[in-house]
Amino acid sequence: MGLSLTVIIQAANVIARYFFRRSFASAEELAYLGFAYTFCLGMAYLFRKRAMIAIEFVANKFPEKVQRVIEFINYVILAITCGILTVHSVQLSIIGWARFTTALRLRYTFVDLAAVIAFGLMTIYSVSFIIDILRNKRLSSVSLQDQF
């Protein structure tokens, strides 16, 4: 939906510029906002579904127990990294409260919240995957053919 909104706003801006020789001052900001939320929430969704493109052919060469250890280490690193990025995104969002966008006069906090939400969700999903691995649950992922 966010991507559709972005395309519609940009198309309307192009049409207005072409036919009326005027553009909407806020079109760029709305398009950026739509793109930021689409990208960040899409990234979190793909992470949750484990549909991110991964190089598994190396890990698959190892025995099952070694694969589980590799997977565990991978998600521990991801949980720590996403947790750190969540903290930094929150700090950026707090700083953004004092700044406003040029045309819409929105606080940058609302732009930066997309990253807070995405990295927060990815941290939660990473911890959930770690718990599943420790419980010996098999993590399912989307096949490579279904990703395209």
Protein backbone atom coordinates (compact mmCIF):
# COMPACT_ATOMS: atom_id res chain seq x y z
CA MET A 1 0.00 0.00 0.00
CA GLY A 2 2.82 2.40 0.87
CA LEU A 3 4.53 1.71 -2.43
CA SER A 4 1.27 2.28 -4.32
CA LEU A 5 0.76 5.55 -2.47
CA THR A 6 4.30 6.61 -3.34
CA VAL A 7 3.79 5.84 -7.03
CA ILE A 8 0.42 7.64 -7.14
CA ILE A 9 1.85 10.73 -5.44
CA GLN A 10 4.85 10.84 -7.76
CA ALA A 11 2.65 10.29 -10.84
CA ALA A 12 0.31 13.09 -9.75
CA ASN A 13 3.30 15.36 -9.24
CA VAL A 14 4.67 14.58 -12.71
CA ILE A 15 1.26 15.20 -14.32
CA ALA A 16 0.85 18.49 -12.44
CA ARG A 17 4.34 19.58 -13.49
CA TYR A 18 3.74 18.62 -17.12
CA PHE A 19 0.24 20.04 -17.60
CA PHE A 20 0.10 22.90 -15.08
CA ARG A 21 3.80 23.76 -14.81
CA ARG A 22 3.47 23.45 -11.03
CA SER A 23 4.34 20.67 -8.68
CA PHE A 24 3.08 19.79 -5.25
CA ALA A 25 5.56 21.01 -2.65
CA SER A 26 4.86 18.11 -0.35
CA ALA A 27 4.94 15.33 -2.97
CA GLU A 28 8.61 14.49 -2.47
CA GLU A 29 8.22 14.29 1.29
CA LEU A 30 5.11 12.11 1.08
CA ALA A 31 6.82 9.82 -1.42
CA TYR A 32 9.88 9.55 0.81
CA LEU A 33 7.72 8.80 3.84
CA GLY A 34 5.78 6.13 1.95
CA PHE A 35 8.97 4.58 0.65
CA ALA A 36 10.63 4.57 4.10
CA TYR A 37 7.72 2.75 5.73
CA THR A 38 7.28 0.36 2.81
CA PHE A 39 10.96 -0.55 2.82
CA CYS A 40 11.35 -0.88 6.59
CA LEU A 41 8.14 -2.81 7.22
CA GLY A 42 8.81 -4.99 4.17
CA MET A 43 12.27 -5.77 5.49
CA ALA A 44 10.83 -6.80 8.87
CA TYR A 45 8.14 -8.92 7.20
CA LEU A 46 10.67 -10.76 5.02
CA PHE A 47 12.88 -11.30 8.06
CA ARG A 48 9.95 -12.81 9.98
CA LYS A 49 9.12 -15.17 7.10
CA ARG A 50 12.83 -15.97 6.74
CA ALA A 51 12.51 -15.04 3.08
CA MET A 52 15.73 -13.06 2.92
CA ILE A 53 18.15 -14.38 0.36
CA ALA A 54 20.75 -16.36 2.23
CA ILE A 55 23.84 -18.30 1.33
CA GLU A 56 22.87 -21.68 2.72
CA PHE A 57 24.82 -23.91 0.40
CA VAL A 58 27.93 -23.59 2.60
CA ALA A 59 26.12 -24.30 5.86
CA ASN A 60 24.26 -27.23 4.28
CA LYS A 61 27.57 -29.00 3.70
CA PHE A 62 27.92 -29.53 7.46
CA PRO A 63 26.19 -32.14 9.63
CA GLU A 64 22.78 -31.26 11.10
CA LYS A 65 24.13 -30.40 14.57
CA VAL A 66 26.76 -28.04 13.15
CA GLN A 67 24.07 -26.41 11.01
CA ARG A 68 22.01 -25.78 14.15
CA VAL A 69 25.03 -24.18 15.88
CA ILE A 70 25.68 -21.98 12.84
CA GLU A 71 22.02 -20.98 12.76
CA PHE A 72 22.06 -20.21 16.50
CA ILE A 73 25.20 -18.06 16.22
CA ASN A 74 23.71 -16.30 13.20
CA TYR A 75 20.56 -15.31 15.09
CA VAL A 76 22.47 -14.26 18.20
CA ILE A 77 24.55 -11.90 16.03
CA LEU A 78 21.40 -10.66 14.30
CA ALA A 79 19.57 -10.11 17.61
CA ILE A 80 22.48 -8.08 19.00
CA THR A 81 22.88 -6.09 15.78
CA CYS A 82 19.16 -5.38 15.42
CA GLY A 83 18.97 -4.48 19.12
CA ILE A 84 21.78 -1.96 18.73
CA LEU A 85 20.15 -0.54 15.58
CA THR A 86 16.85 -0.25 17.47
CA VAL A 87 18.53 1.78 20.21
CA HIS A 88 20.22 4.05 17.67
CA SER A 89 16.95 4.44 15.73
CA VAL A 90 15.16 5.44 18.93
CA GLN A 91 17.88 8.01 19.64
CA LEU A 92 17.60 9.35 16.09
CA SER A 93 13.83 9.51 16.44
CA ILE A 94 14.11 11.46 19.70
CA ILE A 95 16.54 13.93 18.11
CA GLY A 96 14.16 14.23 15.15
CA TRP A 97 11.47 15.73 17.37
CA ALA A 98 13.24 19.10 17.17
CA ARG A 99 13.44 19.10 13.36
CA PHE A 100 10.65 19.57 10.84
CA THR A 101 10.35 18.58 7.21
CA THR A 102 10.39 21.48 4.79
CA ALA A 103 7.00 21.28 3.06
CA LEU A 104 4.73 19.31 5.37
CA ARG A 105 6.27 20.54 8.61
CA LEU A 106 6.17 17.01 10.01
CA ARG A 107 8.57 16.20 12.80
CA TYR A 108 11.38 13.96 11.59
CA THR A 109 10.44 11.62 14.44
CA PHE A 110 7.60 10.29 12.29
CA VAL A 111 10.01 9.56 9.45
CA ASP A 112 12.53 7.89 11.76
CA LEU A 113 9.90 5.72 13.46
CA ALA A 114 9.91 3.43 10.42
CA ALA A 115 13.41 2.25 11.36
CA VAL A 116 12.51 1.94 15.05
CA ILE A 117 9.55 -0.30 14.20
CA ALA A 118 11.50 -2.42 11.70
CA PHE A 119 14.59 -2.98 13.82
CA GLY A 120 12.47 -3.53 16.93
CA LEU A 121 10.45 -6.21 15.16
CA MET A 122 13.58 -7.83 13.75
CA THR A 123 15.09 -7.95 17.25
CA ILE A 124 11.96 -9.66 18.57
CA TYR A 125 11.92 -12.11 15.65
CA SER A 126 15.62 -12.92 16.16
CA VAL A 127 15.04 -13.70 19.84
CA SER A 128 12.02 -15.81 18.88
CA PHE A 129 14.14 -17.75 16.38
CA ILE A 130 16.83 -18.30 19.05
CA ILE A 131 14.19 -19.68 21.44
CA ASP A 132 12.87 -21.98 18.71
CA ILE A 133 16.38 -23.26 17.99
CA LEU A 134 16.98 -23.92 21.71
CA ARG A 135 13.68 -25.86 21.82
CA ASN A 136 14.90 -27.92 18.83
CA LYS A 137 12.14 -26.62 16.59
CA ARG A 138 12.87 -26.65 12.89
CA LEU A 139 12.77 -23.13 11.48
CA SER A 140 10.90 -22.99 8.22
CA SER A 141 11.84 -20.58 5.48
CA VAL A 142 10.48 -19.62 2.12
CA SER A 143 12.06 -21.52 -0.74
CA LEU A 144 14.21 -19.66 -3.20
CA GLN A 145 11.69 -20.23 -6.00
CA ASP A 146 8.89 -18.66 -3.92
CA GLN A 147 10.96 -15.55 -3.25
CA PHE A 148 10.79 -14.45 -6.89
